[in-house]
N, C-alpha and C. Protein backbone atom coordinates (compact mmCIF):
# COMPACT_ATOMS: atom_id res chain seq x y z
N MET A 1 -4.76 -70.77 -10.50
CA MET A 1 -4.54 -70.31 -9.15
C MET A 1 -4.30 -68.81 -9.20
N SER A 2 -5.00 -68.07 -8.38
CA SER A 2 -4.84 -66.62 -8.38
C SER A 2 -3.89 -66.20 -7.26
N ILE A 3 -3.25 -65.09 -7.50
CA ILE A 3 -2.33 -64.52 -6.52
C ILE A 3 -3.15 -63.69 -5.54
N PRO A 4 -3.00 -63.96 -4.26
CA PRO A 4 -3.78 -63.17 -3.30
C PRO A 4 -3.30 -61.72 -3.28
N GLU A 5 -4.26 -60.82 -3.22
CA GLU A 5 -3.93 -59.41 -3.17
C GLU A 5 -3.43 -59.05 -1.78
N LYS A 6 -2.52 -58.10 -1.74
CA LYS A 6 -2.05 -57.62 -0.45
C LYS A 6 -3.12 -56.75 0.17
N GLN A 7 -3.43 -57.06 1.39
CA GLN A 7 -4.38 -56.24 2.13
C GLN A 7 -3.64 -55.02 2.66
N PRO A 8 -4.25 -53.84 2.57
CA PRO A 8 -3.58 -52.67 3.15
C PRO A 8 -3.42 -52.86 4.65
N GLN A 9 -2.23 -52.53 5.11
CA GLN A 9 -1.95 -52.69 6.54
C GLN A 9 -2.67 -51.59 7.30
N ARG A 10 -3.45 -52.01 8.27
CA ARG A 10 -4.21 -51.05 9.06
C ARG A 10 -3.33 -50.52 10.18
N THR A 11 -3.46 -49.24 10.42
CA THR A 11 -2.72 -48.64 11.51
C THR A 11 -3.58 -48.67 12.77
N SER A 12 -2.92 -48.76 13.89
CA SER A 12 -3.66 -48.83 15.15
C SER A 12 -4.25 -47.45 15.47
N LEU A 13 -5.17 -47.47 16.39
CA LEU A 13 -5.82 -46.23 16.80
C LEU A 13 -4.81 -45.25 17.39
N MET A 14 -3.89 -45.75 18.19
CA MET A 14 -2.89 -44.87 18.81
C MET A 14 -1.99 -44.24 17.76
N GLU A 15 -1.60 -44.97 16.74
CA GLU A 15 -0.77 -44.41 15.67
C GLU A 15 -1.51 -43.32 14.91
N ARG A 16 -2.79 -43.55 14.65
CA ARG A 16 -3.58 -42.54 13.94
C ARG A 16 -3.78 -41.31 14.80
N LEU A 17 -4.02 -41.49 16.10
CA LEU A 17 -4.18 -40.34 16.99
C LEU A 17 -2.89 -39.55 17.11
N GLN A 18 -1.76 -40.26 17.19
CA GLN A 18 -0.48 -39.55 17.28
C GLN A 18 -0.21 -38.77 16.00
N ARG A 19 -0.50 -39.36 14.86
CA ARG A 19 -0.29 -38.66 13.59
C ARG A 19 -1.20 -37.44 13.47
N ALA A 20 -2.42 -37.55 13.96
CA ALA A 20 -3.38 -36.46 13.82
C ALA A 20 -3.16 -35.36 14.86
N PHE A 21 -2.93 -35.75 16.10
CA PHE A 21 -2.90 -34.76 17.18
C PHE A 21 -1.54 -34.56 17.81
N GLY A 22 -0.55 -35.38 17.47
CA GLY A 22 0.76 -35.30 18.09
C GLY A 22 1.40 -33.93 18.02
N PRO A 23 1.49 -33.33 16.85
CA PRO A 23 2.09 -31.99 16.77
C PRO A 23 1.31 -30.95 17.56
N LEU A 24 0.00 -31.06 17.56
CA LEU A 24 -0.80 -30.09 18.32
C LEU A 24 -0.57 -30.24 19.82
N VAL A 25 -0.50 -31.47 20.29
CA VAL A 25 -0.28 -31.70 21.72
C VAL A 25 1.11 -31.20 22.11
N GLY A 26 2.11 -31.43 21.25
CA GLY A 26 3.45 -30.92 21.53
C GLY A 26 3.46 -29.40 21.64
N GLY A 27 2.76 -28.75 20.74
CA GLY A 27 2.67 -27.28 20.80
C GLY A 27 1.94 -26.81 22.04
N MET A 28 0.88 -27.52 22.42
CA MET A 28 0.15 -27.13 23.62
C MET A 28 1.00 -27.32 24.88
N ILE A 29 1.77 -28.39 24.93
CA ILE A 29 2.65 -28.62 26.08
C ILE A 29 3.67 -27.50 26.18
N LEU A 30 4.27 -27.14 25.05
CA LEU A 30 5.26 -26.07 25.06
C LEU A 30 4.63 -24.73 25.45
N ASP A 31 3.41 -24.47 25.01
CA ASP A 31 2.72 -23.24 25.42
C ASP A 31 2.40 -23.24 26.91
N LEU A 32 2.05 -24.40 27.46
CA LEU A 32 1.80 -24.48 28.89
C LEU A 32 3.08 -24.25 29.69
N VAL A 33 4.20 -24.77 29.21
CA VAL A 33 5.49 -24.53 29.87
C VAL A 33 5.82 -23.04 29.80
N ASP A 34 5.58 -22.43 28.64
CA ASP A 34 5.83 -21.00 28.49
C ASP A 34 4.97 -20.19 29.46
N LEU A 35 3.72 -20.58 29.62
CA LEU A 35 2.83 -19.89 30.55
C LEU A 35 3.31 -20.06 31.99
N SER A 36 3.81 -21.23 32.32
CA SER A 36 4.20 -21.48 33.71
C SER A 36 5.56 -20.90 34.08
N THR A 37 6.39 -20.54 33.09
CA THR A 37 7.71 -19.99 33.41
C THR A 37 7.73 -18.47 33.42
N PHE A 38 6.66 -17.82 33.03
CA PHE A 38 6.52 -16.36 33.09
C PHE A 38 7.61 -15.62 32.32
N GLY A 39 7.94 -16.09 31.13
CA GLY A 39 8.87 -15.37 30.25
C GLY A 39 10.23 -15.11 30.86
N PRO A 40 10.81 -13.94 30.61
CA PRO A 40 12.17 -13.67 31.09
C PRO A 40 12.24 -13.49 32.61
N TYR A 41 11.10 -13.33 33.26
CA TYR A 41 11.10 -13.13 34.70
C TYR A 41 11.04 -14.44 35.47
N GLY A 42 10.66 -15.50 34.78
CA GLY A 42 10.57 -16.80 35.44
C GLY A 42 11.94 -17.43 35.61
N ILE A 43 12.01 -18.31 36.56
CA ILE A 43 13.28 -18.98 36.83
C ILE A 43 13.38 -20.20 35.94
N GLY A 44 14.41 -20.25 35.14
CA GLY A 44 14.68 -21.43 34.33
C GLY A 44 13.81 -21.61 33.12
N GLY A 45 13.16 -20.57 32.62
CA GLY A 45 12.30 -20.71 31.45
C GLY A 45 13.03 -21.26 30.25
N PHE A 46 14.24 -20.76 30.03
CA PHE A 46 15.02 -21.24 28.90
C PHE A 46 15.37 -22.72 29.06
N PHE A 47 15.78 -23.11 30.24
CA PHE A 47 16.22 -24.49 30.46
C PHE A 47 15.04 -25.46 30.42
N VAL A 48 13.94 -25.09 31.05
CA VAL A 48 12.76 -25.96 31.04
C VAL A 48 12.20 -26.06 29.62
N GLY A 49 12.13 -24.93 28.92
CA GLY A 49 11.64 -24.95 27.54
C GLY A 49 12.53 -25.78 26.63
N SER A 50 13.84 -25.70 26.83
CA SER A 50 14.77 -26.50 26.03
C SER A 50 14.59 -27.99 26.31
N LEU A 51 14.44 -28.34 27.57
CA LEU A 51 14.24 -29.76 27.91
C LEU A 51 12.95 -30.30 27.33
N VAL A 52 11.88 -29.52 27.40
CA VAL A 52 10.60 -29.95 26.84
C VAL A 52 10.71 -30.05 25.32
N GLY A 53 11.38 -29.10 24.69
CA GLY A 53 11.60 -29.17 23.24
C GLY A 53 12.39 -30.40 22.84
N TRP A 54 13.41 -30.74 23.62
CA TRP A 54 14.21 -31.95 23.35
C TRP A 54 13.35 -33.19 23.48
N TRP A 55 12.52 -33.22 24.53
CA TRP A 55 11.65 -34.37 24.76
C TRP A 55 10.64 -34.54 23.62
N ILE A 56 10.04 -33.43 23.17
CA ILE A 56 9.08 -33.51 22.07
C ILE A 56 9.76 -34.00 20.80
N CYS A 57 10.96 -33.50 20.53
CA CYS A 57 11.70 -33.93 19.33
C CYS A 57 12.11 -35.40 19.43
N SER A 58 12.38 -35.88 20.63
CA SER A 58 12.78 -37.28 20.77
C SER A 58 11.61 -38.22 20.52
N ILE A 59 10.39 -37.75 20.76
CA ILE A 59 9.22 -38.58 20.47
C ILE A 59 9.14 -38.87 18.97
N TYR A 60 9.51 -37.90 18.17
CA TYR A 60 9.45 -38.05 16.71
C TYR A 60 10.76 -38.57 16.13
N GLU A 61 11.71 -38.93 16.99
CA GLU A 61 12.98 -39.54 16.59
C GLU A 61 13.71 -38.70 15.54
N LEU A 62 13.79 -37.41 15.79
CA LEU A 62 14.51 -36.51 14.89
C LEU A 62 16.00 -36.66 15.09
N ALA A 63 16.77 -36.23 14.12
CA ALA A 63 18.22 -36.28 14.21
C ALA A 63 18.70 -35.39 15.36
N ILE A 64 19.87 -35.71 15.89
CA ILE A 64 20.40 -34.98 17.05
C ILE A 64 20.57 -33.50 16.74
N SER A 65 21.07 -33.17 15.55
CA SER A 65 21.27 -31.76 15.21
C SER A 65 19.93 -31.02 15.13
N THR A 66 18.91 -31.68 14.61
CA THR A 66 17.58 -31.07 14.54
C THR A 66 17.00 -30.92 15.93
N ARG A 67 17.19 -31.93 16.77
CA ARG A 67 16.71 -31.85 18.16
C ARG A 67 17.36 -30.68 18.89
N LEU A 68 18.66 -30.53 18.70
CA LEU A 68 19.37 -29.46 19.38
C LEU A 68 18.86 -28.10 18.93
N THR A 69 18.71 -27.93 17.63
CA THR A 69 18.23 -26.65 17.09
C THR A 69 16.82 -26.33 17.59
N LEU A 70 15.92 -27.31 17.49
CA LEU A 70 14.54 -27.07 17.89
C LEU A 70 14.40 -26.90 19.41
N SER A 71 15.22 -27.61 20.18
CA SER A 71 15.14 -27.44 21.63
C SER A 71 15.67 -26.07 22.05
N LEU A 72 16.70 -25.57 21.36
CA LEU A 72 17.18 -24.21 21.66
C LEU A 72 16.13 -23.18 21.28
N LEU A 73 15.45 -23.38 20.16
CA LEU A 73 14.36 -22.48 19.77
C LEU A 73 13.21 -22.53 20.78
N ALA A 74 12.92 -23.72 21.31
CA ALA A 74 11.87 -23.84 22.32
C ALA A 74 12.27 -23.09 23.59
N GLY A 75 13.55 -23.18 23.96
CA GLY A 75 14.03 -22.45 25.14
C GLY A 75 13.94 -20.95 24.95
N VAL A 76 14.32 -20.48 23.78
CA VAL A 76 14.23 -19.04 23.49
C VAL A 76 12.77 -18.60 23.48
N TYR A 77 11.91 -19.43 22.94
CA TYR A 77 10.48 -19.12 22.91
C TYR A 77 9.94 -18.95 24.33
N CYS A 78 10.34 -19.84 25.23
CA CYS A 78 9.87 -19.75 26.62
C CYS A 78 10.51 -18.58 27.36
N LEU A 79 11.60 -18.06 26.83
CA LEU A 79 12.28 -16.93 27.46
C LEU A 79 11.75 -15.58 26.98
N LEU A 80 11.18 -15.54 25.78
CA LEU A 80 10.71 -14.28 25.21
C LEU A 80 9.56 -13.69 26.02
N PRO A 81 9.55 -12.38 26.16
CA PRO A 81 8.42 -11.75 26.86
C PRO A 81 7.19 -11.68 25.97
N LEU A 82 6.05 -11.64 26.61
CA LEU A 82 4.75 -11.46 25.95
C LEU A 82 4.33 -12.63 25.07
N THR A 83 4.90 -13.80 25.25
CA THR A 83 4.44 -14.98 24.51
C THR A 83 3.60 -15.89 25.40
N GLU A 84 3.43 -15.52 26.66
CA GLU A 84 2.74 -16.40 27.60
C GLU A 84 1.28 -16.62 27.23
N PHE A 85 0.62 -15.60 26.75
CA PHE A 85 -0.81 -15.70 26.51
C PHE A 85 -1.17 -15.82 25.04
N ILE A 86 -0.18 -15.98 24.19
CA ILE A 86 -0.41 -16.20 22.76
C ILE A 86 0.11 -17.60 22.44
N PRO A 87 -0.75 -18.52 22.06
CA PRO A 87 -0.31 -19.91 21.84
C PRO A 87 0.42 -20.10 20.50
N VAL A 88 1.57 -19.47 20.38
CA VAL A 88 2.31 -19.50 19.11
C VAL A 88 2.73 -20.92 18.75
N ALA A 89 3.22 -21.69 19.71
CA ALA A 89 3.68 -23.05 19.41
C ALA A 89 2.53 -23.93 18.92
N THR A 90 1.37 -23.77 19.51
CA THR A 90 0.21 -24.54 19.06
C THR A 90 -0.21 -24.11 17.67
N LEU A 91 -0.21 -22.82 17.41
CA LEU A 91 -0.60 -22.32 16.08
C LEU A 91 0.38 -22.78 15.01
N ILE A 92 1.67 -22.73 15.32
CA ILE A 92 2.67 -23.18 14.35
C ILE A 92 2.53 -24.67 14.08
N SER A 93 2.34 -25.46 15.13
CA SER A 93 2.21 -26.90 14.93
C SER A 93 0.93 -27.23 14.16
N ALA A 94 -0.15 -26.49 14.38
CA ALA A 94 -1.37 -26.71 13.61
C ALA A 94 -1.15 -26.36 12.15
N PHE A 95 -0.43 -25.27 11.89
CA PHE A 95 -0.14 -24.89 10.51
C PHE A 95 0.74 -25.92 9.82
N VAL A 96 1.75 -26.40 10.52
CA VAL A 96 2.64 -27.43 9.94
C VAL A 96 1.85 -28.69 9.66
N ARG A 97 0.99 -29.08 10.57
CA ARG A 97 0.16 -30.27 10.36
C ARG A 97 -0.78 -30.06 9.18
N PHE A 98 -1.35 -28.89 9.06
CA PHE A 98 -2.25 -28.57 7.95
C PHE A 98 -1.50 -28.65 6.62
N ARG A 99 -0.31 -28.07 6.55
CA ARG A 99 0.49 -28.11 5.33
C ARG A 99 0.98 -29.52 5.02
N GLY A 100 1.31 -30.28 6.05
CA GLY A 100 1.79 -31.65 5.85
C GLY A 100 0.73 -32.55 5.27
N ALA A 101 -0.51 -32.37 5.68
CA ALA A 101 -1.60 -33.19 5.15
C ALA A 101 -1.81 -32.90 3.68
N ASP A 102 -1.64 -31.64 3.27
CA ASP A 102 -1.80 -31.25 1.87
C ASP A 102 -0.71 -31.88 1.00
N SER A 103 0.53 -31.83 1.45
CA SER A 103 1.62 -32.36 0.65
C SER A 103 1.56 -33.87 0.57
N ARG A 104 1.05 -34.54 1.57
CA ARG A 104 0.94 -35.99 1.53
C ARG A 104 -0.10 -36.43 0.52
N GLU A 105 -1.17 -35.66 0.38
CA GLU A 105 -2.20 -35.97 -0.61
C GLU A 105 -1.64 -35.86 -2.03
N LYS A 106 -0.76 -34.90 -2.27
CA LYS A 106 -0.17 -34.72 -3.60
C LYS A 106 0.77 -35.86 -3.95
N ASN A 107 1.41 -36.47 -2.96
CA ASN A 107 2.38 -37.54 -3.23
C ASN A 107 1.71 -38.87 -3.53
N LYS A 108 0.42 -39.00 -3.31
CA LYS A 108 -0.26 -40.28 -3.56
C LYS A 108 -0.49 -40.49 -5.02
């Protein structure tokens, strides 16, 4: 009698899409909020950016201290002048995703 081999567990399409595009979409959302709050001249840019940062961090179930830090950074990002037309959050999230894929390949 042979022992049945374990079949690799397949991930759903939504899980794969979230893993592939989730960080990019989060960065794009934050850049859109930054564009809509008009930097330091907009009303509530810091607060709206912080709330969006908290929401994005909660999707990834990060620790509370990490959520707080990253949401404050998101608020400051939305408050800074001259960041409205430069998609820094999207670029950073793409870079992090690029580096994360490389390190995961090394761990296999």
